[in-house]
Amino acid sequence: MSVDKETVKKIANLSRIAISDAEADALVPELNNILGWVEQLSEVDCSKVEPMTAVIPNKLRLRDDVVTDGDVREKILANAPAAEHGFFGVPKVIE
C-alpha cells in the first residue's frame, strides 16, 4: 500500500490537523516508509510464538469478594466540601 498527497491531506482532515501542501509533500515519503516497515513485520513467521499479554508472567492477587459496610461514612464525609444528611452535597443542576 502506498500513500499519496491526497491521502495525507484526507488523514490530516480526519485528524483535524491543519497541514500545508509542503508539509503534505514531506509526509508522503515518511508514511510510505512506515508502511514499508509494517509490511516487513507481516513477513515474520509468528506461528510458533505463543500469544502473551505481558513480557513477564504476572499472577493476579485476588482477594475474597466479600460485601462489607466499611463503616467509614463519617471519615469519608469529613473530606467532602458539603455534606447533607449523611450524603455528599452537590449544587443544584436543574431548575
N, C-alpha and C. Protein backbone atom coordinates (compact mmCIF):
# COMPACT_ATOMS: atom_id res chain seq x y z
N MET A 1 0.84 -1.18 0.00
CA MET A 1 0.00 0.00 0.00
C MET A 1 0.88 1.23 0.00
N SER A 2 0.54 2.20 -0.82
CA SER A 2 1.31 3.43 -0.83
C SER A 2 0.38 4.61 -0.56
N VAL A 3 0.98 5.66 -0.07
CA VAL A 3 0.23 6.85 0.31
C VAL A 3 0.60 7.97 -0.66
N ASP A 4 -0.41 8.70 -1.12
CA ASP A 4 -0.15 9.86 -1.96
C ASP A 4 -0.54 11.14 -1.21
N LYS A 5 -0.34 12.27 -1.86
CA LYS A 5 -0.59 13.55 -1.21
C LYS A 5 -2.06 13.71 -0.81
N GLU A 6 -2.96 13.24 -1.64
CA GLU A 6 -4.39 13.37 -1.33
C GLU A 6 -4.76 12.53 -0.10
N THR A 7 -4.16 11.35 0.05
CA THR A 7 -4.43 10.51 1.22
C THR A 7 -3.91 11.18 2.49
N VAL A 8 -2.74 11.80 2.39
CA VAL A 8 -2.17 12.51 3.55
C VAL A 8 -3.09 13.65 3.95
N LYS A 9 -3.60 14.40 2.98
CA LYS A 9 -4.50 15.51 3.29
C LYS A 9 -5.81 15.01 3.90
N LYS A 10 -6.30 13.86 3.41
CA LYS A 10 -7.53 13.29 3.96
C LYS A 10 -7.32 12.84 5.41
N ILE A 11 -6.18 12.19 5.68
CA ILE A 11 -5.87 11.75 7.03
C ILE A 11 -5.74 12.97 7.96
N ALA A 12 -5.09 14.00 7.49
CA ALA A 12 -4.94 15.22 8.29
C ALA A 12 -6.30 15.85 8.57
N ASN A 13 -7.17 15.85 7.58
CA ASN A 13 -8.51 16.40 7.76
C ASN A 13 -9.30 15.58 8.77
N LEU A 14 -9.23 14.26 8.68
CA LEU A 14 -9.94 13.40 9.64
C LEU A 14 -9.38 13.57 11.05
N SER A 15 -8.09 13.87 11.14
CA SER A 15 -7.44 14.06 12.44
C SER A 15 -7.59 15.48 12.95
N ARG A 16 -8.20 16.32 12.14
CA ARG A 16 -8.37 17.74 12.47
C ARG A 16 -7.02 18.42 12.69
N ILE A 17 -6.06 18.10 11.78
CA ILE A 17 -4.73 18.70 11.82
C ILE A 17 -4.58 19.53 10.55
N ALA A 18 -4.25 20.79 10.71
CA ALA A 18 -4.04 21.66 9.55
C ALA A 18 -2.60 21.50 9.07
N ILE A 19 -2.44 21.10 7.81
CA ILE A 19 -1.10 20.98 7.23
C ILE A 19 -1.11 21.70 5.88
N SER A 20 0.05 22.24 5.54
CA SER A 20 0.19 22.92 4.25
C SER A 20 0.54 21.90 3.17
N ASP A 21 0.55 22.38 1.92
CA ASP A 21 0.92 21.48 0.81
C ASP A 21 2.36 21.00 0.94
N ALA A 22 3.24 21.88 1.41
CA ALA A 22 4.64 21.49 1.57
C ALA A 22 4.79 20.42 2.65
N GLU A 23 4.03 20.57 3.74
CA GLU A 23 4.08 19.56 4.80
C GLU A 23 3.51 18.23 4.31
N ALA A 24 2.44 18.29 3.52
CA ALA A 24 1.86 17.06 2.97
C ALA A 24 2.86 16.37 2.05
N ASP A 25 3.56 17.15 1.23
CA ASP A 25 4.58 16.56 0.35
C ASP A 25 5.69 15.90 1.16
N ALA A 26 6.06 16.49 2.29
CA ALA A 26 7.12 15.94 3.13
C ALA A 26 6.66 14.68 3.85
N LEU A 27 5.37 14.58 4.15
CA LEU A 27 4.86 13.42 4.89
C LEU A 27 4.66 12.19 4.02
N VAL A 28 4.51 12.38 2.71
CA VAL A 28 4.26 11.23 1.81
C VAL A 28 5.37 10.19 1.90
N PRO A 29 6.65 10.55 1.73
CA PRO A 29 7.68 9.51 1.82
C PRO A 29 7.82 8.93 3.22
N GLU A 30 7.60 9.77 4.25
CA GLU A 30 7.71 9.26 5.61
C GLU A 30 6.64 8.20 5.89
N LEU A 31 5.40 8.47 5.50
CA LEU A 31 4.34 7.49 5.72
C LEU A 31 4.54 6.23 4.88
N ASN A 32 5.03 6.39 3.66
CA ASN A 32 5.32 5.21 2.83
C ASN A 32 6.43 4.38 3.45
N ASN A 33 7.42 5.03 4.07
CA ASN A 33 8.49 4.31 4.74
C ASN A 33 7.96 3.52 5.93
N ILE A 34 7.06 4.15 6.71
CA ILE A 34 6.45 3.46 7.86
C ILE A 34 5.65 2.25 7.39
N LEU A 35 4.88 2.42 6.33
CA LEU A 35 4.09 1.30 5.81
C LEU A 35 4.99 0.19 5.28
N GLY A 36 6.17 0.55 4.76
CA GLY A 36 7.13 -0.46 4.32
C GLY A 36 7.63 -1.29 5.48
N TRP A 37 7.90 -0.65 6.61
CA TRP A 37 8.33 -1.38 7.81
C TRP A 37 7.22 -2.32 8.30
N VAL A 38 5.98 -1.85 8.25
CA VAL A 38 4.86 -2.70 8.69
C VAL A 38 4.74 -3.92 7.78
N GLU A 39 4.93 -3.74 6.47
CA GLU A 39 4.89 -4.87 5.54
C GLU A 39 6.01 -5.86 5.85
N GLN A 40 7.19 -5.36 6.23
CA GLN A 40 8.28 -6.26 6.60
C GLN A 40 7.93 -7.05 7.85
N LEU A 41 7.26 -6.43 8.80
CA LEU A 41 6.86 -7.14 10.02
C LEU A 41 5.85 -8.25 9.72
N SER A 42 4.99 -8.04 8.74
CA SER A 42 3.99 -9.06 8.42
C SER A 42 4.62 -10.29 7.78
N GLU A 43 5.85 -10.17 7.30
CA GLU A 43 6.53 -11.31 6.68
C GLU A 43 7.16 -12.25 7.73
N VAL A 44 7.25 -11.81 8.97
CA VAL A 44 7.87 -12.62 10.02
C VAL A 44 6.93 -13.77 10.39
N ASP A 45 7.49 -14.99 10.49
CA ASP A 45 6.71 -16.17 10.85
C ASP A 45 6.53 -16.21 12.37
N CYS A 46 5.31 -15.99 12.82
CA CYS A 46 4.99 -16.00 14.25
C CYS A 46 4.11 -17.18 14.63
N SER A 47 4.03 -18.18 13.77
CA SER A 47 3.10 -19.28 14.00
C SER A 47 3.47 -20.10 15.24
N LYS A 48 4.76 -20.15 15.61
CA LYS A 48 5.17 -20.96 16.76
C LYS A 48 5.35 -20.12 18.02
N VAL A 49 4.96 -18.85 17.97
CA VAL A 49 5.10 -17.97 19.13
C VAL A 49 3.75 -17.92 19.84
N GLU A 50 3.79 -18.20 21.14
CA GLU A 50 2.57 -18.19 21.94
C GLU A 50 2.15 -16.75 22.22
N PRO A 51 0.87 -16.44 22.07
CA PRO A 51 0.42 -15.09 22.40
C PRO A 51 0.58 -14.81 23.89
N MET A 52 0.91 -13.58 24.22
CA MET A 52 1.08 -13.24 25.63
C MET A 52 0.53 -11.84 25.88
N THR A 53 0.20 -11.58 27.13
CA THR A 53 -0.33 -10.27 27.49
C THR A 53 0.74 -9.38 28.11
N ALA A 54 1.83 -9.95 28.57
CA ALA A 54 2.91 -9.17 29.17
C ALA A 54 4.23 -9.89 28.92
N VAL A 55 5.32 -9.15 29.06
CA VAL A 55 6.64 -9.73 28.83
C VAL A 55 7.02 -10.67 29.96
N ILE A 56 6.66 -10.31 31.18
CA ILE A 56 6.95 -11.17 32.33
C ILE A 56 5.65 -11.80 32.82
N PRO A 57 5.71 -13.02 33.35
CA PRO A 57 4.48 -13.65 33.83
C PRO A 57 3.97 -12.96 35.09
N ASN A 58 2.70 -12.62 35.07
CA ASN A 58 2.08 -11.96 36.22
C ASN A 58 0.96 -12.82 36.76
N LYS A 59 0.88 -12.91 38.04
CA LYS A 59 -0.22 -13.59 38.70
C LYS A 59 -1.10 -12.55 39.36
N LEU A 60 -2.39 -12.64 39.17
CA LEU A 60 -3.30 -11.71 39.82
C LEU A 60 -3.45 -12.09 41.28
N ARG A 61 -3.30 -11.10 42.13
CA ARG A 61 -3.51 -11.32 43.55
C ARG A 61 -4.98 -11.05 43.84
N LEU A 62 -5.75 -12.09 43.94
CA LEU A 62 -7.18 -11.95 44.15
C LEU A 62 -7.50 -11.94 45.62
N ARG A 63 -8.52 -11.21 45.98
CA ARG A 63 -9.00 -11.20 47.36
C ARG A 63 -10.41 -11.75 47.35
N ASP A 64 -10.86 -12.16 48.51
CA ASP A 64 -12.22 -12.66 48.62
C ASP A 64 -13.21 -11.53 48.33
N ASP A 65 -14.23 -11.84 47.56
CA ASP A 65 -15.25 -10.86 47.22
C ASP A 65 -16.30 -10.87 48.32
N VAL A 66 -16.04 -10.07 49.34
CA VAL A 66 -16.90 -10.03 50.50
C VAL A 66 -17.53 -8.64 50.59
N VAL A 67 -18.84 -8.60 50.74
CA VAL A 67 -19.54 -7.33 50.88
C VAL A 67 -19.48 -6.90 52.33
N THR A 68 -18.92 -5.71 52.56
CA THR A 68 -18.87 -5.16 53.91
C THR A 68 -19.40 -3.73 53.87
N ASP A 69 -19.86 -3.27 55.00
CA ASP A 69 -20.37 -1.91 55.09
C ASP A 69 -19.22 -0.92 55.04
N GLY A 70 -18.09 -1.31 55.51
CA GLY A 70 -16.96 -0.40 55.55
C GLY A 70 -16.96 0.44 56.81
N ASP A 71 -18.12 0.89 57.21
CA ASP A 71 -18.31 1.63 58.45
C ASP A 71 -17.36 2.83 58.57
N VAL A 72 -17.16 3.54 57.45
CA VAL A 72 -16.28 4.71 57.46
C VAL A 72 -16.99 5.93 56.88
N ARG A 73 -18.30 5.97 56.97
CA ARG A 73 -19.07 7.05 56.37
C ARG A 73 -18.62 8.42 56.90
N GLU A 74 -18.45 8.54 58.19
CA GLU A 74 -18.10 9.83 58.77
C GLU A 74 -16.71 10.28 58.32
N LYS A 75 -15.77 9.35 58.20
CA LYS A 75 -14.42 9.71 57.74
C LYS A 75 -14.45 10.19 56.30
N ILE A 76 -15.26 9.54 55.46
CA ILE A 76 -15.35 9.93 54.06
C ILE A 76 -16.04 11.29 53.93
N LEU A 77 -17.13 11.48 54.65
CA LEU A 77 -17.86 12.74 54.56
C LEU A 77 -17.08 13.90 55.17
N ALA A 78 -16.08 13.61 56.00
CA ALA A 78 -15.25 14.68 56.56
C ALA A 78 -14.44 15.36 55.47
N ASN A 79 -14.15 14.66 54.37
CA ASN A 79 -13.39 15.22 53.25
C ASN A 79 -14.27 15.97 52.26
N ALA A 80 -15.58 15.85 52.37
CA ALA A 80 -16.49 16.46 51.41
C ALA A 80 -16.59 17.96 51.65
N PRO A 81 -16.65 18.75 50.57
CA PRO A 81 -16.82 20.18 50.76
C PRO A 81 -18.17 20.51 51.39
N ALA A 82 -19.20 19.71 51.08
CA ALA A 82 -20.52 19.93 51.66
C ALA A 82 -21.17 18.58 51.88
N ALA A 83 -21.57 18.30 53.11
CA ALA A 83 -22.26 17.05 53.43
C ALA A 83 -23.63 17.38 54.00
N GLU A 84 -24.64 16.69 53.49
CA GLU A 84 -26.01 16.93 53.95
C GLU A 84 -26.69 15.62 54.25
N HIS A 85 -27.13 15.43 55.48
CA HIS A 85 -27.91 14.26 55.90
C HIS A 85 -27.18 12.94 55.60
N GLY A 86 -25.86 12.93 55.76
CA GLY A 86 -25.09 11.71 55.55
C GLY A 86 -24.74 11.44 54.09
N PHE A 87 -24.93 12.42 53.21
CA PHE A 87 -24.61 12.28 51.79
C PHE A 87 -23.76 13.46 51.34
N PHE A 88 -23.14 13.31 50.16
CA PHE A 88 -22.39 14.42 49.58
C PHE A 88 -23.38 15.47 49.10
N GLY A 89 -23.15 16.72 49.46
CA GLY A 89 -23.98 17.81 48.97
C GLY A 89 -23.43 18.33 47.67
N VAL A 90 -24.28 18.46 46.66
CA VAL A 90 -23.85 18.97 45.36
C VAL A 90 -24.74 20.14 44.98
N PRO A 91 -24.22 21.05 44.14
CA PRO A 91 -25.05 22.17 43.71
C PRO A 91 -26.20 21.70 42.82
N LYS A 92 -27.26 22.47 42.84
CA LYS A 92 -28.44 22.16 42.04
C LYS A 92 -28.09 22.33 40.57
N VAL A 93 -28.46 21.35 39.73
CA VAL A 93 -28.12 21.38 38.31
C VAL A 93 -29.34 21.82 37.48
N ILE A 94 -30.50 21.32 37.81
CA ILE A 94 -31.71 21.61 37.04
C ILE A 94 -32.61 22.50 37.87
N GLU A 95 -33.10 23.54 37.26
CA GLU A 95 -34.02 24.46 37.94
C GLU A 95 -35.38 23.82 38.10
